[in-house]
Amino acid sequence: MGMVFPRWTPWLSGRRVPRFLPLAPVWVLAPTLALYGTGSGILAGAGVLGDGLSGIGGAASLAFGGYGWALAVAAVSYQRRTRPLCVPASAPVG
Protein backbone atom coordinates (compact mmCIF):
# COMPACT_ATOMS: atom_id res chain seq x y z
CA MET A 1 0.00 0.00 0.00
CA GLY A 2 1.27 3.46 -0.80
CA MET A 3 1.03 6.35 -3.14
CA VAL A 4 2.72 6.64 -6.54
CA PHE A 5 3.96 9.70 -8.38
CA PRO A 6 1.55 10.89 -11.11
CA ARG A 7 2.20 10.43 -14.83
CA TRP A 8 3.10 14.08 -15.42
CA THR A 9 6.19 13.97 -13.15
CA PRO A 10 9.24 13.33 -15.32
CA TRP A 11 11.59 10.51 -14.22
CA LEU A 12 9.35 9.65 -11.26
CA SER A 13 6.04 8.66 -12.84
CA GLY A 14 4.70 5.36 -11.58
CA ARG A 15 7.29 5.01 -8.81
CA ARG A 16 6.27 4.77 -5.17
CA VAL A 17 6.47 7.86 -3.01
CA PRO A 18 8.78 7.26 -0.03
CA ARG A 19 6.97 7.62 3.31
CA PHE A 20 9.38 10.24 4.61
CA LEU A 21 8.75 12.63 1.70
CA PRO A 22 5.34 13.92 2.84
CA LEU A 23 5.88 13.16 6.54
CA ALA A 24 9.18 14.94 7.22
CA PRO A 25 7.99 18.50 6.50
CA VAL A 26 4.69 17.90 8.30
CA TRP A 27 6.39 16.65 11.46
CA VAL A 28 8.50 19.83 11.48
CA LEU A 29 5.62 22.21 10.75
CA ALA A 30 2.70 20.70 12.70
CA PRO A 31 4.19 20.96 16.22
CA THR A 32 5.41 24.47 15.50
CA LEU A 33 1.99 25.72 14.41
CA ALA A 34 0.14 23.81 17.12
CA LEU A 35 2.35 25.11 19.93
CA TYR A 36 2.32 28.67 18.58
CA GLY A 37 -1.46 28.71 18.22
CA THR A 38 -2.15 27.00 21.52
CA GLY A 39 0.35 29.13 23.43
CA SER A 40 -0.87 32.40 21.97
CA GLY A 41 -4.46 31.31 22.59
CA ILE A 42 -3.68 30.76 26.25
CA LEU A 43 -1.99 34.16 26.46
CA ALA A 44 -4.87 35.85 24.62
CA GLY A 45 -7.41 34.18 26.89
CA ALA A 46 -5.52 35.37 29.94
CA GLY A 47 -5.63 38.94 28.66
CA VAL A 48 -1.88 39.27 28.16
CA LEU A 49 -2.18 39.95 24.40
CA GLY A 50 -4.71 42.76 24.52
CA ASP A 51 -8.42 42.29 23.86
CA GLY A 52 -8.60 38.56 24.53
CA LEU A 53 -9.98 35.91 22.23
CA SER A 54 -12.52 38.18 20.55
CA GLY A 55 -9.95 40.22 18.58
CA ILE A 56 -7.58 39.47 15.72
CA GLY A 57 -5.13 37.82 18.11
CA GLY A 58 -7.74 35.27 19.15
CA ALA A 59 -8.66 34.55 15.55
CA ALA A 60 -5.01 34.05 14.62
CA SER A 61 -4.51 31.78 17.63
CA LEU A 62 -7.44 29.62 16.58
CA ALA A 63 -6.26 29.51 12.97
CA PHE A 64 -2.66 28.57 13.72
CA GLY A 65 -3.55 26.14 16.49
CA GLY A 66 -6.34 24.49 14.52
CA TYR A 67 -4.20 24.09 11.41
CA GLY A 68 -1.27 22.71 13.41
CA TRP A 69 -3.40 20.14 15.23
CA ALA A 70 -5.18 19.16 11.99
CA LEU A 71 -1.83 18.61 10.27
CA ALA A 72 -0.66 16.43 13.15
CA VAL A 73 -3.82 14.30 13.00
CA ALA A 74 -3.50 13.94 9.22
CA ALA A 75 0.18 12.97 9.54
CA VAL A 76 -0.60 10.28 12.11
CA SER A 77 -3.36 8.95 9.87
CA TYR A 78 -1.07 8.83 6.81
CA GLN A 79 1.72 7.26 8.83
CA ARG A 80 -0.60 4.50 10.07
CA ARG A 81 -2.12 3.87 6.62
CA THR A 82 1.25 3.53 4.89
CA ARG A 83 2.92 1.43 7.58
CA PRO A 84 4.78 -1.54 6.07
CA LEU A 85 3.16 -4.90 6.69
CA CYS A 86 5.36 -7.44 8.42
CA VAL A 87 4.73 -11.02 7.41
CA PRO A 88 6.04 -13.85 9.63
CA ALA A 89 8.58 -16.18 8.02
CA SER A 90 6.34 -19.24 8.56
CA ALA A 91 3.41 -17.76 6.62
CA PRO A 92 2.66 -19.45 3.27
CA VAL A 93 3.35 -17.36 0.18
CA GLY A 94 0.48 -16.87 -2.22
C-alpha atoms as a PDB file:
ATOM      1  CA  MET A   1       0.000   0.000   0.000  1.00  0.00           C
ATOM      2  CA  GLY A   2       1.275   3.463  -0.796  1.00  0.00           C
ATOM      3  CA  MET A   3       1.033   6.355  -3.144  1.00  0.00           C
ATOM      4  CA  VAL A   4       2.715   6.640  -6.537  1.00  0.00           C
ATOM      5  CA  PHE A   5       3.964   9.695  -8.381  1.00  0.00           C
ATOM      6  CA  PRO A   6       1.551  10.894 -11.107  1.00  0.00           C
ATOM      7  CA  ARG A   7       2.196  10.430 -14.830  1.00  0.00           C
ATOM      8  CA  TRP A   8       3.097  14.082 -15.419  1.00  0.00           C
ATOM      9  CA  THR A   9       6.193  13.967 -13.150  1.00  0.00           C
ATOM     10  CA  PRO A  10       9.239  13.329 -15.322  1.00  0.00           C
ATOM     11  CA  TRP A  11      11.586  10.514 -14.220  1.00  0.00           C
ATOM     12  CA  LEU A  12       9.355   9.651 -11.259  1.00  0.00           C
ATOM     13  CA  SER A  13       6.036   8.661 -12.836  1.00  0.00           C
ATOM     14  CA  GLY A  14       4.699   5.359 -11.579  1.00  0.00           C
ATOM     15  CA  ARG A  15       7.287   5.010  -8.808  1.00  0.00           C
ATOM     16  CA  ARG A  16       6.271   4.767  -5.174  1.00  0.00           C
ATOM     17  CA  VAL A  17       6.467   7.863  -3.013  1.00  0.00           C
ATOM     18  CA  PRO A  18       8.777   7.263  -0.028  1.00  0.00           C
ATOM     19  CA  ARG A  19       6.969   7.625   3.314  1.00  0.00           C
ATOM     20  CA  PHE A  20       9.376  10.240   4.613  1.00  0.00           C
ATOM     21  CA  LEU A  21       8.748  12.627   1.701  1.00  0.00           C
ATOM     22  CA  PRO A  22       5.335  13.916   2.838  1.00  0.00           C
ATOM     23  CA  LEU A  23       5.880  13.157   6.544  1.00  0.00           C
ATOM     24  CA  ALA A  24       9.179  14.935   7.218  1.00  0.00           C
ATOM     25  CA  PRO A  25       7.988  18.496   6.503  1.00  0.00           C
ATOM     26  CA  VAL A  26       4.695  17.897   8.296  1.00  0.00           C
ATOM     27  CA  TRP A  27       6.392  16.653  11.463  1.00  0.00           C
ATOM     28  CA  VAL A  28       8.496  19.831  11.480  1.00  0.00           C
ATOM     29  CA  LEU A  29       5.618  22.208  10.747  1.00  0.00           C
ATOM     30  CA  ALA A  30       2.696  20.700  12.704  1.00  0.00           C
ATOM     31  CA  PRO A  31       4.189  20.957  16.220  1.00  0.00           C
ATOM     32  CA  THR A  32       5.414  24.472  15.497  1.00  0.00           C
ATOM     33  CA  LEU A  33       1.989  25.720  14.411  1.00  0.00           C
ATOM     34  CA  ALA A  34       0.143  23.806  17.119  1.00  0.00           C
ATOM     35  CA  LEU A  35       2.354  25.109  19.929  1.00  0.00           C
ATOM     36  CA  TYR A  36       2.318  28.666  18.582  1.00  0.00           C
ATOM     37  CA  GLY A  37      -1.464  28.714  18.218  1.00  0.00           C
ATOM     38  CA  THR A  38      -2.148  27.002  21.518  1.00  0.00           C
ATOM     39  CA  GLY A  39       0.346  29.132  23.430  1.00  0.00           C
ATOM     40  CA  SER A  40      -0.870  32.397  21.969  1.00  0.00           C
ATOM     41  CA  GLY A  41      -4.459  31.306  22.591  1.00  0.00           C
ATOM     42  CA  ILE A  42      -3.676  30.756  26.254  1.00  0.00           C
ATOM     43  CA  LEU A  43      -1.994  34.156  26.458  1.00  0.00           C
ATOM     44  CA  ALA A  44      -4.870  35.849  24.625  1.00  0.00           C
ATOM     45  CA  GLY A  45      -7.409  34.182  26.888  1.00  0.00           C
ATOM     46  CA  ALA A  46      -5.518  35.371  29.938  1.00  0.00           C
ATOM     47  CA  GLY A  47      -5.631  38.944  28.659  1.00  0.00           C
ATOM     48  CA  VAL A  48      -1.879  39.268  28.157  1.00  0.00           C
ATOM     49  CA  LEU A  49      -2.176  39.949  24.403  1.00  0.00           C
ATOM     50  CA  GLY A  50      -4.712  42.762  24.518  1.00  0.00           C
ATOM     51  CA  ASP A  51      -8.421  42.291  23.857  1.00  0.00           C
ATOM     52  CA  GLY A  52      -8.599  38.561  24.529  1.00  0.00           C
ATOM     53  CA  LEU A  53      -9.980  35.905  22.227  1.00  0.00           C
ATOM     54  CA  SER A  54     -12.524  38.182  20.551  1.00  0.00           C
ATOM     55  CA  GLY A  55      -9.946  40.220  18.577  1.00  0.00           C
ATOM     56  CA  ILE A  56      -7.584  39.474  15.718  1.00  0.00           C
ATOM     57  CA  GLY A  57      -5.131  37.815  18.108  1.00  0.00           C
ATOM     58  CA  GLY A  58      -7.742  35.272  19.149  1.00  0.00           C
ATOM     59  CA  ALA A  59      -8.661  34.545  15.547  1.00  0.00           C
ATOM     60  CA  ALA A  60      -5.012  34.049  14.621  1.00  0.00           C
ATOM     61  CA  SER A  61      -4.514  31.777  17.627  1.00  0.00           C
ATOM     62  CA  LEU A  62      -7.445  29.619  16.582  1.00  0.00           C
ATOM     63  CA  ALA A  63      -6.260  29.514  12.970  1.00  0.00           C
ATOM     64  CA  PHE A  64      -2.660  28.570  13.724  1.00  0.00           C
ATOM     65  CA  GLY A  65      -3.552  26.141  16.494  1.00  0.00           C
ATOM     66  CA  GLY A  66      -6.337  24.489  14.518  1.00  0.00           C
ATOM     67  CA  TYR A  67      -4.201  24.091  11.412  1.00  0.00           C
ATOM     68  CA  GLY A  68      -1.274  22.709  13.406  1.00  0.00           C
ATOM     69  CA  TRP A  69      -3.399  20.136  15.228  1.00  0.00           C
ATOM     70  CA  ALA A  70      -5.179  19.162  11.993  1.00  0.00           C
ATOM     71  CA  LEU A  71      -1.825  18.613  10.270  1.00  0.00           C
ATOM     72  CA  ALA A  72      -0.661  16.430  13.152  1.00  0.00           C
ATOM     73  CA  VAL A  73      -3.817  14.298  13.003  1.00  0.00           C
ATOM     74  CA  ALA A  74      -3.497  13.939   9.223  1.00  0.00           C
ATOM     75  CA  ALA A  75       0.181  12.965   9.536  1.00  0.00           C
ATOM     76  CA  VAL A  76      -0.599  10.279  12.113  1.00  0.00           C
ATOM     77  CA  SER A  77      -3.360   8.948   9.865  1.00  0.00           C
ATOM     78  CA  TYR A  78      -1.069   8.830   6.805  1.00  0.00           C
ATOM     79  CA  GLN A  79       1.719   7.258   8.833  1.00  0.00           C
ATOM     80  CA  ARG A  80      -0.598   4.496  10.069  1.00  0.00           C
ATOM     81  CA  ARG A  81      -2.124   3.868   6.622  1.00  0.00           C
ATOM     82  CA  THR A  82       1.252   3.530   4.889  1.00  0.00           C
ATOM     83  CA  ARG A  83       2.921   1.427   7.583  1.00  0.00           C
ATOM     84  CA  PRO A  84       4.781  -1.537   6.072  1.00  0.00           C
ATOM     85  CA  LEU A  85       3.159  -4.898   6.686  1.00  0.00           C
ATOM     86  CA  CYS A  86       5.364  -7.437   8.424  1.00  0.00           C
ATOM     87  CA  VAL A  87       4.731 -11.024   7.413  1.00  0.00           C
ATOM     88  CA  PRO A  88       6.039 -13.848   9.634  1.00  0.00           C
ATOM     89  CA  ALA A  89       8.584 -16.175   8.015  1.00  0.00           C
ATOM     90  CA  SER A  90       6.342 -19.237   8.563  1.00  0.00           C
ATOM     91  CA  ALA A  91       3.409 -17.758   6.616  1.00  0.00           C
ATOM     92  CA  PRO A  92       2.665 -19.445   3.275  1.00  0.00           C
ATOM     93  CA  VAL A  93       3.347 -17.363   0.180  1.00  0.00           C
ATOM     94  CA  GLY A  94       0.482 -16.873  -2.221  1.00  0.00           C
END
